[in-house]
Amino acid sequence: MSFTARFKLNVAHPALWKLLRYRMFSTTRKWLDKVPQQFEEKDNGKYGLTKIYDCYENELISCEISFISNMKPIYRKVAVLKDGNYELSQWTLPSTLAEQKPNIDNKKNLAIEWEPTASFIAFIGGAADKYPFLKGDAKVEYLGPTEIVGDYSRYLLRVANQKKLKKYTIKYYGYEEAYTSSSKERPDNAFKDIEKFIQDNPKGMVNIVGHSLGGWNAAGLTSELEKKKICTVNLLITIDPVGVILSKSSADRRVRAQIYFFMPKPHPTKWLSVSCDPKEYVLDDLVADLGGQWESYPKKHATIFHSTKYSHADFTAIMREKINENDSCESLLIKELEKVK
């Protein structure tokens, strides 16, 4: 294949890149991207480029531009050229998308809204949440279980029942059960459960919520699911994620826990991350700092990053705190569940 295709998107403000994703589609080869991709930002964020795709001559290619919100995706035709000049395949995102009306004749802007048929939420607790933090993990004294995240998962289950939401599964895991390389035998395995859920529900929605070490592993699990082509996680929520020091990338073998070896680099459809900067420094905050608060990468790459004055253990309060003018992590999570009709 000596022909190539590439698409250029112009935007009014660089902040929009956190909300935009794309996938290329061929009428003969179908989706060229298994999961939504991030644009490569250029000229200080004034425009973004897709990857370069090898194509056949006269192959029909389109670019699906999607948003990390409830807005419908937009489709634009992409030229297949021998020289691959992307200037011939570009579009400017309008300042108001309300002006964009579907064109059924040429399907350039025709939006096909994804309607999930079922939802799965994995709640992943941190150290000593579901299981005691015992010998074999980091060398600390006996702790837990506290079930901070477990209690919240049961609360959300009651909310889902009261709202009469449809076709949902809510499951609670220890951070040890969301680590695919773990050699320890645990009752549950988040990766296998999600894999089975997607097999049974190909159009199912997966949401993952993690706290502390569970936040690091929630991000790691999100990456693993994408790498192994199981699914793209719809919504990832990491509450004061910890793991920079305790990860296996730490040089000190004495402080390694059952979390992902390298720093996770997840690409969910939406990512909400909250970091604790408490008014009063208590023991839980010290424990989090000893594990290595994971802040710099989420701050740069999360869809919404929020700093809270709550302490590390205040998981429920953090979930309910507003992270923008209208919504909390909890309210945004419930909105995702309500998409299943």
C-alpha atoms as a PDB file:
ATOM      1  CA  MET A   1       0.000   0.000   0.000  1.00  0.00           C
ATOM      2  CA  SER A   2       1.728   3.171  -1.232  1.00  0.00           C
ATOM      3  CA  PHE A   3      -1.135   5.535  -0.452  1.00  0.00           C
ATOM      4  CA  THR A   4      -1.705   7.217   2.915  1.00  0.00           C
ATOM      5  CA  ALA A   5      -4.396   9.119   4.796  1.00  0.00           C
ATOM      6  CA  ARG A   6      -4.186  11.608   7.637  1.00  0.00           C
ATOM      7  CA  PHE A   7      -6.665  14.062   9.137  1.00  0.00           C
ATOM      8  CA  LYS A   8      -6.137  17.554  10.589  1.00  0.00           C
ATOM      9  CA  LEU A   9      -8.538  19.083  13.099  1.00  0.00           C
ATOM     10  CA  ASN A  10      -8.433  22.794  13.962  1.00  0.00           C
ATOM     11  CA  VAL A  11      -9.848  23.933  17.305  1.00  0.00           C
ATOM     12  CA  ALA A  12     -10.659  27.258  18.933  1.00  0.00           C
ATOM     13  CA  HIS A  13      -8.931  26.467  22.246  1.00  0.00           C
ATOM     14  CA  PRO A  14      -6.170  23.991  23.256  1.00  0.00           C
ATOM     15  CA  ALA A  15      -8.189  22.878  26.309  1.00  0.00           C
ATOM     16  CA  LEU A  16     -10.529  21.023  23.949  1.00  0.00           C
ATOM     17  CA  TRP A  17      -7.935  18.327  23.250  1.00  0.00           C
ATOM     18  CA  LYS A  18      -8.691  16.702  26.608  1.00  0.00           C
ATOM     19  CA  LEU A  19     -12.251  16.161  25.385  1.00  0.00           C
ATOM     20  CA  LEU A  20     -11.561  14.932  21.852  1.00  0.00           C
ATOM     21  CA  ARG A  21     -10.788  11.470  20.482  1.00  0.00           C
ATOM     22  CA  TYR A  22     -10.784   9.966  16.999  1.00  0.00           C
ATOM     23  CA  ARG A  23     -10.998   6.660  15.140  1.00  0.00           C
ATOM     24  CA  MET A  24     -10.433   5.990  11.442  1.00  0.00           C
ATOM     25  CA  PHE A  25     -12.891   3.869   9.465  1.00  0.00           C
ATOM     26  CA  SER A  26     -12.497   2.141   6.100  1.00  0.00           C
ATOM     27  CA  THR A  27     -15.483   0.908   4.123  1.00  0.00           C
ATOM     28  CA  THR A  28     -13.487  -2.191   3.164  1.00  0.00           C
ATOM     29  CA  ARG A  29     -11.362  -2.872   6.273  1.00  0.00           C
ATOM     30  CA  LYS A  30     -13.779  -1.442   8.878  1.00  0.00           C
ATOM     31  CA  TRP A  31     -12.289   0.198  11.978  1.00  0.00           C
ATOM     32  CA  LEU A  32      -8.577   0.909  11.602  1.00  0.00           C
ATOM     33  CA  ASP A  33      -8.338   1.756  15.314  1.00  0.00           C
ATOM     34  CA  LYS A  34      -9.556  -0.702  17.917  1.00  0.00           C
ATOM     35  CA  VAL A  35     -10.003   2.039  20.508  1.00  0.00           C
ATOM     36  CA  PRO A  36     -10.361   5.856  20.339  1.00  0.00           C
ATOM     37  CA  GLN A  37      -7.066   7.673  19.805  1.00  0.00           C
ATOM     38  CA  GLN A  38      -5.743  11.025  21.008  1.00  0.00           C
ATOM     39  CA  PHE A  39      -4.839  13.694  18.467  1.00  0.00           C
ATOM     40  CA  GLU A  40      -1.211  14.781  18.236  1.00  0.00           C
ATOM     41  CA  GLU A  41      -1.294  18.445  19.249  1.00  0.00           C
ATOM     42  CA  LYS A  42       0.552  20.924  17.031  1.00  0.00           C
ATOM     43  CA  ASP A  43       1.318  24.668  17.053  1.00  0.00           C
ATOM     44  CA  ASN A  44       0.574  25.112  20.777  1.00  0.00           C
ATOM     45  CA  GLY A  45      -2.698  23.257  20.480  1.00  0.00           C
ATOM     46  CA  LYS A  46      -4.130  25.222  17.532  1.00  0.00           C
ATOM     47  CA  TYR A  47      -4.599  22.014  15.551  1.00  0.00           C
ATOM     48  CA  GLY A  48      -4.206  18.277  15.970  1.00  0.00           C
ATOM     49  CA  LEU A  49      -3.212  15.429  13.662  1.00  0.00           C
ATOM     50  CA  THR A  50      -4.167  11.789  13.471  1.00  0.00           C
ATOM     51  CA  LYS A  51      -1.638   9.068  12.815  1.00  0.00           C
ATOM     52  CA  ILE A  52      -0.638   8.349   9.229  1.00  0.00           C
ATOM     53  CA  TYR A  53      -2.568   5.366   7.847  1.00  0.00           C
ATOM     54  CA  ASP A  54      -1.414   3.184   4.965  1.00  0.00           C
ATOM     55  CA  CYS A  55      -4.277   2.780   2.487  1.00  0.00           C
ATOM     56  CA  TYR A  56      -5.198   1.363  -0.890  1.00  0.00           C
ATOM     57  CA  GLU A  57      -5.801   3.596  -3.886  1.00  0.00           C
ATOM     58  CA  ASN A  58      -9.427   4.814  -3.990  1.00  0.00           C
ATOM     59  CA  GLU A  59     -10.125   3.384  -0.519  1.00  0.00           C
ATOM     60  CA  LEU A  60     -12.942   5.241   1.248  1.00  0.00           C
ATOM     61  CA  ILE A  61     -11.789   6.518   4.647  1.00  0.00           C
ATOM     62  CA  SER A  62     -13.624   8.582   7.262  1.00  0.00           C
ATOM     63  CA  CYS A  63     -12.611  10.001  10.637  1.00  0.00           C
ATOM     64  CA  GLU A  64     -14.934   9.668  13.617  1.00  0.00           C
ATOM     65  CA  ILE A  65     -14.418  12.597  16.016  1.00  0.00           C
ATOM     66  CA  SER A  66     -15.868  11.850  19.434  1.00  0.00           C
ATOM     67  CA  PHE A  67     -16.266  13.823  22.615  1.00  0.00           C
ATOM     68  CA  ILE A  68     -15.813  12.848  26.254  1.00  0.00           C
ATOM     69  CA  SER A  69     -19.366  13.863  27.060  1.00  0.00           C
ATOM     70  CA  ASN A  70     -22.881  12.966  25.991  1.00  0.00           C
ATOM     71  CA  MET A  71     -22.437  14.721  22.643  1.00  0.00           C
ATOM     72  CA  LYS A  72     -22.735  12.698  19.463  1.00  0.00           C
ATOM     73  CA  PRO A  73     -19.632  11.937  17.368  1.00  0.00           C
ATOM     74  CA  ILE A  74     -18.999  13.653  14.044  1.00  0.00           C
ATOM     75  CA  TYR A  75     -17.796  11.970  10.844  1.00  0.00           C
ATOM     76  CA  ARG A  76     -15.572  13.584   8.199  1.00  0.00           C
ATOM     77  CA  LYS A  77     -14.291  12.197   4.913  1.00  0.00           C
ATOM     78  CA  VAL A  78     -10.518  11.723   4.644  1.00  0.00           C
ATOM     79  CA  ALA A  79      -8.633  11.913   1.338  1.00  0.00           C
ATOM     80  CA  VAL A  80      -6.400   9.001   0.342  1.00  0.00           C
ATOM     81  CA  LEU A  81      -3.336  10.412  -1.408  1.00  0.00           C
ATOM     82  CA  LYS A  82      -0.043   9.216  -2.752  1.00  0.00           C
ATOM     83  CA  ASP A  83       1.753  12.164  -1.178  1.00  0.00           C
ATOM     84  CA  GLY A  84      -0.329  12.112   2.001  1.00  0.00           C
ATOM     85  CA  ASN A  85      -0.872  15.905   2.279  1.00  0.00           C
ATOM     86  CA  TYR A  86      -3.166  16.249   5.284  1.00  0.00           C
ATOM     87  CA  GLU A  87      -3.987  19.875   4.355  1.00  0.00           C
ATOM     88  CA  LEU A  88      -6.539  18.402   1.922  1.00  0.00           C
ATOM     89  CA  SER A  89      -8.270  16.547   4.793  1.00  0.00           C
ATOM     90  CA  GLN A  90      -8.954  19.042   7.512  1.00  0.00           C
ATOM     91  CA  TRP A  91     -11.883  20.539   9.367  1.00  0.00           C
ATOM     92  CA  THR A  92     -12.387  23.279  11.926  1.00  0.00           C
ATOM     93  CA  LEU A  93     -14.383  22.379  15.000  1.00  0.00           C
ATOM     94  CA  PRO A  94     -17.073  25.074  15.299  1.00  0.00           C
ATOM     95  CA  SER A  95     -17.320  27.103  18.484  1.00  0.00           C
ATOM     96  CA  THR A  96     -20.868  25.826  18.949  1.00  0.00           C
ATOM     97  CA  LEU A  97     -21.661  22.288  17.911  1.00  0.00           C
ATOM     98  CA  ALA A  98     -25.379  23.042  18.055  1.00  0.00           C
ATOM     99  CA  GLU A  99     -24.983  24.374  14.511  1.00  0.00           C
ATOM    100  CA  GLN A 100     -23.947  20.961  13.214  1.00  0.00           C
ATOM    101  CA  LYS A 101     -26.876  19.127  11.684  1.00  0.00           C
ATOM    102  CA  PRO A 102     -26.650  15.553  10.378  1.00  0.00           C
ATOM    103  CA  ASN A 103     -26.510  15.222   6.621  1.00  0.00           C
ATOM    104  CA  ILE A 104     -28.233  11.924   5.900  1.00  0.00           C
ATOM    105  CA  ASP A 105     -27.439  12.075   2.183  1.00  0.00           C
ATOM    106  CA  ASN A 106     -23.652  12.079   2.394  1.00  0.00           C
ATOM    107  CA  LYS A 107     -23.390  10.976   6.069  1.00  0.00           C
ATOM    108  CA  LYS A 108     -20.521  13.411   6.625  1.00  0.00           C
ATOM    109  CA  ASN A 109     -21.909  14.638   9.927  1.00  0.00           C
ATOM    110  CA  LEU A 110     -24.343  11.835  10.630  1.00  0.00           C
ATOM    111  CA  ALA A 111     -23.912  10.830  14.268  1.00  0.00           C
ATOM    112  CA  ILE A 112     -24.561   7.313  15.471  1.00  0.00           C
ATOM    113  CA  GLU A 113     -24.980   7.420  19.230  1.00  0.00           C
ATOM    114  CA  TRP A 114     -23.621   4.507  21.221  1.00  0.00           C
ATOM    115  CA  GLU A 115     -26.319   2.971  23.376  1.00  0.00           C
ATOM    116  CA  PRO A 116     -24.838   0.592  25.980  1.00  0.00           C
ATOM    117  CA  THR A 117     -26.890  -2.508  26.676  1.00  0.00           C
ATOM    118  CA  ALA A 118     -25.485  -3.188  30.169  1.00  0.00           C
ATOM    119  CA  SER A 119     -23.043  -1.652  32.647  1.00  0.00           C
ATOM    120  CA  PHE A 120     -20.325  -2.995  34.924  1.00  0.00           C
ATOM    121  CA  ILE A 121     -18.718  -1.016  37.745  1.00  0.00           C
ATOM    122  CA  ALA A 122     -15.567  -2.294  39.417  1.00  0.00           C
ATOM    123  CA  PHE A 123     -14.789  -0.662  42.765  1.00  0.00           C
ATOM    124  CA  ILE A 124     -11.161  -1.221  43.757  1.00  0.00           C
ATOM    125  CA  GLY A 125     -10.116  -0.581  47.333  1.00  0.00           C
ATOM    126  CA  GLY A 126      -6.689   0.430  48.514  1.00  0.00           C
ATOM    127  CA  ALA A 127      -4.335  -1.145  51.028  1.00  0.00           C
ATOM    128  CA  ALA A 128      -6.208  -2.877  53.876  1.00  0.00           C
ATOM    129  CA  ASP A 129      -9.585  -2.092  52.329  1.00  0.00           C
ATOM    130  CA  LYS A 130     -10.857  -5.571  51.444  1.00  0.00           C
ATOM    131  CA  TYR A 131      -7.989  -7.629  52.898  1.00  0.00           C
ATOM    132  CA  PRO A 132      -5.455  -7.026  55.687  1.00  0.00           C
ATOM    133  CA  PHE A 133      -2.180  -5.515  54.528  1.00  0.00           C
ATOM    134  CA  LEU A 134      -0.141  -8.546  55.574  1.00  0.00           C
ATOM    135  CA  LYS A 135       3.316 -10.017  55.092  1.00  0.00           C
ATOM    136  CA  GLY A 136       4.059 -10.516  51.427  1.00  0.00           C
ATOM    137  CA  ASP A 137       3.157  -6.979  50.507  1.00  0.00           C
ATOM    138  CA  ALA A 138       4.952  -3.935  51.872  1.00  0.00           C
ATOM    139  CA  LYS A 139       6.541  -4.470  55.288  1.00  0.00           C
ATOM    140  CA  VAL A 140       4.132  -2.587  57.520  1.00  0.00           C
ATOM    141  CA  GLU A 141       2.296  -3.605  60.641  1.00  0.00           C
ATOM    142  CA  TYR A 142      -1.028  -5.424  60.479  1.00  0.00           C
ATOM    143  CA  LEU A 143      -3.774  -3.220  59.030  1.00  0.00           C
ATOM    144  CA  GLY A 144      -7.425  -3.623  58.061  1.00  0.00           C
ATOM    145  CA  PRO A 145      -9.660  -4.523  56.517  1.00  0.00           C
ATOM    146  CA  THR A 146     -11.429  -1.153  56.626  1.00  0.00           C
ATOM    147  CA  GLU A 147     -13.869  -1.650  53.702  1.00  0.00           C
ATOM    148  CA  ILE A 148     -13.949   2.089  52.997  1.00  0.00           C
ATOM    149  CA  VAL A 149     -14.576   1.436  49.318  1.00  0.00           C
ATOM    150  CA  GLY A 150     -16.612  -1.686  50.072  1.00  0.00           C
ATOM    151  CA  ASP A 151     -19.124   0.293  52.128  1.00  0.00           C
ATOM    152  CA  TYR A 152     -19.463   2.847  49.347  1.00  0.00           C
ATOM    153  CA  SER A 153     -19.997   0.162  46.694  1.00  0.00           C
ATOM    154  CA  ARG A 154     -22.870  -1.252  48.744  1.00  0.00           C
ATOM    155  CA  TYR A 155     -24.323   2.238  49.114  1.00  0.00           C
ATOM    156  CA  LEU A 156     -24.237   2.765  45.335  1.00  0.00           C
ATOM    157  CA  LEU A 157     -25.905  -0.607  44.852  1.00  0.00           C
ATOM    158  CA  ARG A 158     -28.793   0.611  47.025  1.00  0.00           C
ATOM    159  CA  VAL A 159     -28.989   3.826  44.992  1.00  0.00           C
ATOM    160  CA  ALA A 160     -29.109   1.846  41.746  1.00  0.00           C
ATOM    161  CA  ASN A 161     -31.926  -0.289  43.139  1.00  0.00           C
ATOM    162  CA  GLN A 162     -33.870   2.767  44.295  1.00  0.00           C
ATOM    163  CA  LYS A 163     -33.503   4.440  40.903  1.00  0.00           C
ATOM    164  CA  LYS A 164     -34.528   1.179  39.226  1.00  0.00           C
ATOM    165  CA  LEU A 165     -31.558   1.303  36.906  1.00  0.00           C
ATOM    166  CA  LYS A 166     -31.324  -1.440  34.309  1.00  0.00           C
ATOM    167  CA  LYS A 167     -28.817  -4.224  33.666  1.00  0.00           C
ATOM    168  CA  TYR A 168     -25.999  -3.177  35.953  1.00  0.00           C
ATOM    169  CA  THR A 169     -23.339  -5.116  37.830  1.00  0.00           C
ATOM    170  CA  ILE A 170     -21.514  -3.523  40.763  1.00  0.00           C
ATOM    171  CA  LYS A 171     -18.592  -5.459  42.207  1.00  0.00           C
ATOM    172  CA  TYR A 172     -16.042  -4.714  44.925  1.00  0.00           C
ATOM    173  CA  TYR A 173     -12.384  -5.786  44.702  1.00  0.00           C
ATOM    174  CA  GLY A 174      -9.228  -5.412  46.707  1.00  0.00           C
ATOM    175  CA  TYR A 175      -6.368  -3.731  44.860  1.00  0.00           C
ATOM    176  CA  GLU A 176      -4.713  -7.193  44.838  1.00  0.00           C
ATOM    177  CA  GLU A 177      -7.574  -8.506  42.668  1.00  0.00           C
ATOM    178  CA  ALA A 178      -7.076  -5.859  39.994  1.00  0.00           C
ATOM    179  CA  TYR A 179      -3.450  -6.771  39.386  1.00  0.00           C
ATOM    180  CA  THR A 180      -3.206  -9.203  36.467  1.00  0.00           C
ATOM    181  CA  SER A 181       0.314 -10.420  37.326  1.00  0.00           C
ATOM    182  CA  SER A 182      -0.569 -11.364  40.892  1.00  0.00           C
ATOM    183  CA  SER A 183       0.564 -14.837  41.952  1.00  0.00           C
ATOM    184  CA  LYS A 184      -1.631 -14.852  45.049  1.00  0.00           C
ATOM    185  CA  GLU A 185      -4.904 -16.691  45.082  1.00  0.00           C
ATOM    186  CA  ARG A 186      -7.810 -14.331  45.701  1.00  0.00           C
ATOM    187  CA  PRO A 187     -11.557 -15.014  45.490  1.00  0.00           C
ATOM    188  CA  ASP A 188     -12.122 -12.468  42.688  1.00  0.00           C
ATOM    189  CA  ASN A 189     -10.306 -11.349  39.564  1.00  0.00           C
ATOM    190  CA  ALA A 190     -11.403  -8.006  38.097  1.00  0.00           C
ATOM    191  CA  PHE A 191      -9.764  -8.583  34.709  1.00  0.00           C
ATOM    192  CA  LYS A 192     -11.445 -11.955  34.176  1.00  0.00           C
ATOM    193  CA  ASP A 193     -14.804 -10.649  35.398  1.00  0.00           C
ATOM    194  CA  ILE A 194     -14.713  -7.733  32.952  1.00  0.00           C
ATOM    195  CA  GLU A 195     -13.554  -9.991  30.132  1.00  0.00           C
ATOM    196  CA  LYS A 196     -16.529 -12.296  30.793  1.00  0.00           C
ATOM    197  CA  PHE A 197     -18.900  -9.318  31.036  1.00  0.00           C
ATOM    198  CA  ILE A 198     -17.813  -8.037  27.607  1.00  0.00           C
ATOM    199  CA  GLN A 199     -18.122 -11.515  26.105  1.00  0.00           C
ATOM    200  CA  ASP A 200     -21.707 -11.679  27.372  1.00  0.00           C
ATOM    201  CA  ASN A 201     -22.429  -8.016  26.578  1.00  0.00           C
ATOM    202  CA  PRO A 202     -20.445  -6.888  23.500  1.00  0.00           C
ATOM    203  CA  LYS A 203     -22.050  -3.432  23.753  1.00  0.00           C
ATOM    204  CA  GLY A 204     -21.600  -3.253  27.501  1.00  0.00           C
ATOM    205  CA  MET A 205     -20.141  -0.279  29.363  1.00  0.00           C
ATOM    206  CA  VAL A 206     -17.268  -0.721  31.827  1.00  0.00           C
ATOM    207  CA  ASN A 207     -16.583   1.841  34.573  1.00  0.00           C
ATOM    208  CA  ILE A 208     -13.755   1.502  37.110  1.00  0.00           C
ATOM    209  CA  VAL A 209     -13.364   3.367  40.420  1.00  0.00           C
ATOM    210  CA  GLY A 210     -10.195   3.044  42.493  1.00  0.00           C
ATOM    211  CA  HIS A 211      -8.905   4.515  45.743  1.00  0.00           C
ATOM    212  CA  SER A 212      -5.301   4.780  46.956  1.00  0.00           C
ATOM    213  CA  LEU A 213      -3.335   1.726  45.700  1.00  0.00           C
ATOM    214  CA  GLY A 214      -6.626   0.726  44.096  1.00  0.00           C
ATOM    215  CA  GLY A 215      -6.489   3.959  42.085  1.00  0.00           C
ATOM    216  CA  TRP A 216      -3.075   3.031  40.661  1.00  0.00           C
ATOM    217  CA  ASN A 217      -4.306  -0.491  39.874  1.00  0.00           C
ATOM    218  CA  ALA A 218      -7.589   0.850  38.436  1.00  0.00           C
ATOM    219  CA  ALA A 219      -5.524   2.846  35.948  1.00  0.00           C
ATOM    220  CA  GLY A 220      -3.279  -0.164  35.305  1.00  0.00           C
ATOM    221  CA  LEU A 221      -6.272  -2.433  34.758  1.00  0.00           C
ATOM    222  CA  THR A 222      -7.754   0.123  32.340  1.00  0.00           C
ATOM    223  CA  SER A 223      -4.523   0.014  30.325  1.00  0.00           C
ATOM    224  CA  GLU A 224      -4.417  -3.809  30.363  1.00  0.00           C
ATOM    225  CA  LEU A 225      -7.996  -4.082  29.093  1.00  0.00           C
ATOM    226  CA  GLU A 226      -7.130  -1.765  26.213  1.00  0.00           C
ATOM    227  CA  LYS A 227      -3.802  -3.426  25.368  1.00  0.00           C
ATOM    228  CA  LYS A 228      -5.397  -6.871  25.283  1.00  0.00           C
ATOM    229  CA  LYS A 229      -8.269  -5.534  23.152  1.00  0.00           C
ATOM    230  CA  ILE A 230     -10.947  -6.468  25.691  1.00  0.00           C
ATOM    231  CA  CYS A 231     -12.543  -3.018  25.846  1.00  0.00           C
ATOM    232  CA  THR A 232     -12.000   0.694  26.283  1.00  0.00           C
ATOM    233  CA  VAL A 233     -13.069   1.674  29.788  1.00  0.00           C
ATOM    234  CA  ASN A 234     -15.893   4.194  29.618  1.00  0.00           C
ATOM    235  CA  LEU A 235     -15.262   6.048  32.885  1.00  0.00           C
ATOM    236  CA  LEU A 236     -12.202   5.784  35.125  1.00  0.00           C
ATOM    237  CA  ILE A 237     -12.286   7.460  38.547  1.00  0.00           C
ATOM    238  CA  THR A 238      -9.108   7.542  40.637  1.00  0.00           C
ATOM    239  CA  ILE A 239      -9.443   8.929  44.163  1.00  0.00           C
ATOM    240  CA  ASP A 240      -6.105  10.047  45.646  1.00  0.00           C
ATOM    241  CA  PRO A 241      -4.192   7.338  43.744  1.00  0.00           C
ATOM    242  CA  VAL A 242      -1.004   6.024  45.372  1.00  0.00           C
ATOM    243  CA  GLY A 243       1.787   3.811  44.049  1.00  0.00           C
ATOM    244  CA  VAL A 244       4.807   5.787  42.899  1.00  0.00           C
ATOM    245  CA  ILE A 245       6.999   4.425  45.711  1.00  0.00           C
ATOM    246  CA  LEU A 246       5.301   1.071  46.337  1.00  0.00           C
ATOM    247  CA  SER A 247       5.193   0.021  42.685  1.00  0.00           C
ATOM    248  CA  LYS A 248       7.589  -2.622  41.441  1.00  0.00           C
ATOM    249  CA  SER A 249       9.443   0.140  39.640  1.00  0.00           C
ATOM    250  CA  SER A 250      10.681   1.191  43.066  1.00  0.00           C
ATOM    251  CA  ALA A 251      14.358   0.408  43.601  1.00  0.00           C
ATOM    252  CA  ASP A 252      13.695  -0.698  47.178  1.00  0.00           C
ATOM    253  CA  ARG A 253      12.454  -4.301  47.134  1.00  0.00           C
ATOM    254  CA  ARG A 254      11.294  -4.039  50.738  1.00  0.00           C
ATOM    255  CA  VAL A 255       8.493  -1.629  49.869  1.00  0.00           C
ATOM    256  CA  ARG A 256       6.886  -3.340  46.901  1.00  0.00           C
ATOM    257  CA  ALA A 257       3.183  -4.090  46.803  1.00  0.00           C
ATOM    258  CA  GLN A 258       0.990  -6.046  44.371  1.00  0.00           C
ATOM    259  CA  ILE A 259       0.531  -3.196  41.937  1.00  0.00           C
ATOM    260  CA  TYR A 260       1.507  -2.632  38.324  1.00  0.00           C
ATOM    261  CA  PHE A 261       5.215  -2.627  37.576  1.00  0.00           C
ATOM    262  CA  PHE A 262       5.325   0.566  35.528  1.00  0.00           C
ATOM    263  CA  MET A 263       3.323   3.758  35.860  1.00  0.00           C
ATOM    264  CA  PRO A 264      -0.055   3.216  34.177  1.00  0.00           C
ATOM    265  CA  LYS A 265      -0.919   5.300  31.128  1.00  0.00           C
ATOM    266  CA  PRO A 266      -4.640   4.653  30.682  1.00  0.00           C
ATOM    267  CA  HIS A 267      -6.802   5.915  27.810  1.00  0.00           C
ATOM    268  CA  PRO A 268     -10.406   5.605  28.990  1.00  0.00           C
ATOM    269  CA  THR A 269     -13.145   7.587  27.303  1.00  0.00           C
ATOM    270  CA  LYS A 270     -13.351   9.772  30.435  1.00  0.00           C
ATOM    271  CA  TRP A 271     -11.002  10.018  33.395  1.00  0.00           C
ATOM    272  CA  LEU A 272     -11.763  11.824  36.653  1.00  0.00           C
ATOM    273  CA  SER A 273      -8.885  12.043  39.125  1.00  0.00           C
ATOM    274  CA  VAL A 274      -8.870  13.632  42.585  1.00  0.00           C
ATOM    275  CA  SER A 275      -5.765  14.344  44.656  1.00  0.00           C
ATOM    276  CA  CYS A 276      -5.823  15.087  48.391  1.00  0.00           C
ATOM    277  CA  ASP A 277      -4.247  18.235  49.789  1.00  0.00           C
ATOM    278  CA  PRO A 278      -5.850  18.116  53.265  1.00  0.00           C
ATOM    279  CA  LYS A 279      -6.430  21.003  55.627  1.00  0.00           C
ATOM    280  CA  GLU A 280      -5.324  18.824  58.540  1.00  0.00           C
ATOM    281  CA  TYR A 281      -2.605  16.228  58.048  1.00  0.00           C
ATOM    282  CA  VAL A 282      -3.607  12.930  59.695  1.00  0.00           C
ATOM    283  CA  LEU A 283      -2.209   9.378  59.799  1.00  0.00           C
ATOM    284  CA  ASP A 284      -4.056   8.299  56.644  1.00  0.00           C
ATOM    285  CA  ASP A 285      -2.371  11.087  54.695  1.00  0.00           C
ATOM    286  CA  LEU A 286       1.025  10.013  55.997  1.00  0.00           C
ATOM    287  CA  VAL A 287       0.343   6.427  54.865  1.00  0.00           C
ATOM    288  CA  ALA A 288      -0.635   7.725  51.414  1.00  0.00           C
ATOM    289  CA  ASP A 289       2.552   9.780  51.164  1.00  0.00           C
ATOM    290  CA  LEU A 290       4.656   6.761  52.149  1.00  0.00           C
ATOM    291  CA  GLY A 291       3.092   4.884  49.239  1.00  0.00           C
ATOM    292  CA  GLY A 292       3.874   7.731  46.845  1.00  0.00           C
ATOM    293  CA  GLN A 293       0.964   9.958  45.854  1.00  0.00           C
ATOM    294  CA  TRP A 294       0.392   9.703  42.100  1.00  0.00           C
ATOM    295  CA  GLU A 295      -0.487  13.200  40.931  1.00  0.00           C
ATOM    296  CA  SER A 296       1.643  14.562  38.088  1.00  0.00           C
ATOM    297  CA  TYR A 297       0.470  12.210  35.307  1.00  0.00           C
ATOM    298  CA  PRO A 298      -3.269  12.309  36.176  1.00  0.00           C
ATOM    299  CA  LYS A 299      -3.057  16.097  36.528  1.00  0.00           C
ATOM    300  CA  LYS A 300      -1.840  16.347  32.938  1.00  0.00           C
ATOM    301  CA  HIS A 301      -3.886  13.594  31.298  1.00  0.00           C
ATOM    302  CA  ALA A 302      -7.180  13.197  33.187  1.00  0.00           C
ATOM    303  CA  THR A 303     -10.317  14.667  31.644  1.00  0.00           C
ATOM    304  CA  ILE A 304     -11.014  16.411  34.949  1.00  0.00           C
ATOM    305  CA  PHE A 305      -8.388  16.770  37.675  1.00  0.00           C
ATOM    306  CA  HIS A 306      -9.476  18.081  41.068  1.00  0.00           C
ATOM    307  CA  SER A 307      -7.589  18.862  44.266  1.00  0.00           C
ATOM    308  CA  THR A 308      -9.551  18.377  47.485  1.00  0.00           C
ATOM    309  CA  LYS A 309      -9.054  19.474  51.088  1.00  0.00           C
ATOM    310  CA  TYR A 310     -10.428  16.164  52.349  1.00  0.00           C
ATOM    311  CA  SER A 311      -8.056  13.570  53.815  1.00  0.00           C
ATOM    312  CA  HIS A 312      -7.005  10.371  52.099  1.00  0.00           C
ATOM    313  CA  ALA A 313      -9.514   8.154  53.961  1.00  0.00           C
ATOM    314  CA  ASP A 314     -12.537  10.395  53.214  1.00  0.00           C
ATOM    315  CA  PHE A 315     -13.466   8.396  50.126  1.00  0.00           C
ATOM    316  CA  THR A 316     -17.243   8.859  50.316  1.00  0.00           C
ATOM    317  CA  ALA A 317     -16.970  12.601  50.950  1.00  0.00           C
ATOM    318  CA  ILE A 318     -14.586  12.978  48.004  1.00  0.00           C
ATOM    319  CA  MET A 319     -16.930  11.052  45.702  1.00  0.00           C
ATOM    320  CA  ARG A 320     -19.737  13.482  46.623  1.00  0.00           C
ATOM    321  CA  GLU A 321     -17.712  16.695  46.428  1.00  0.00           C
ATOM    322  CA  LYS A 322     -18.325  18.819  43.329  1.00  0.00           C
ATOM    323  CA  ILE A 323     -15.405  18.696  40.922  1.00  0.00           C
ATOM    324  CA  ASN A 324     -16.930  21.281  38.591  1.00  0.00           C
ATOM    325  CA  GLU A 325     -19.859  23.690  38.823  1.00  0.00           C
ATOM    326  CA  ASN A 326     -22.557  21.034  38.648  1.00  0.00           C
ATOM    327  CA  ASP A 327     -21.225  17.541  39.172  1.00  0.00           C
ATOM    328  CA  SER A 328     -19.401  15.255  41.566  1.00  0.00           C
ATOM    329  CA  CYS A 329     -17.679  11.979  40.746  1.00  0.00           C
ATOM    330  CA  GLU A 330     -20.729  10.236  42.170  1.00  0.00           C
ATOM    331  CA  SER A 331     -23.262  12.144  40.074  1.00  0.00           C
ATOM    332  CA  LEU A 332     -21.227  11.638  36.891  1.00  0.00           C
ATOM    333  CA  LEU A 333     -20.951   7.921  37.608  1.00  0.00           C
ATOM    334  CA  ILE A 334     -24.709   7.619  38.111  1.00  0.00           C
ATOM    335  CA  LYS A 335     -25.298   9.494  34.842  1.00  0.00           C
ATOM    336  CA  GLU A 336     -23.270   6.830  33.053  1.00  0.00           C
ATOM    337  CA  LEU A 337     -25.376   4.054  34.585  1.00  0.00           C
ATOM    338  CA  GLU A 338     -28.556   5.845  33.499  1.00  0.00           C
ATOM    339  CA  LYS A 339     -27.482   5.563  29.851  1.00  0.00           C
ATOM    340  CA  VAL A 340     -28.520   1.906  29.844  1.00  0.00           C
ATOM    341  CA  LYS A 341     -32.193   1.886  28.826  1.00  0.00           C
END
